Amino acid sequence: MAQEELEIEINPNGQVTVRTIGIKGPKCIDYAELVARIVGQEESRQLTSEYYEAEVQAHSHQHSHQRRY
């Protein structure tokens, strides 16, 4: 399993930038929103390719079939 990280940058003017690394799918937004609640209002959001990776994986899992014996 890949390591999940939060990268938090605070500029001299007080602007906070949060990047999620290794956190796939919508779960990354949960982490970013937690930090936003701590530091204040969110000004913008940019989704990375990792956000969409889990959606593709979850979609392929929906088509799997299980058999009971």
Foldseek 3Di string as FASTA:
>chain_A
DDDWDWDWDADPVGDIDIDIDPDAAPVVVVVVVVVCVVRHHDDDDDDDVRRCPVVVVVVVVVPDDDDDD
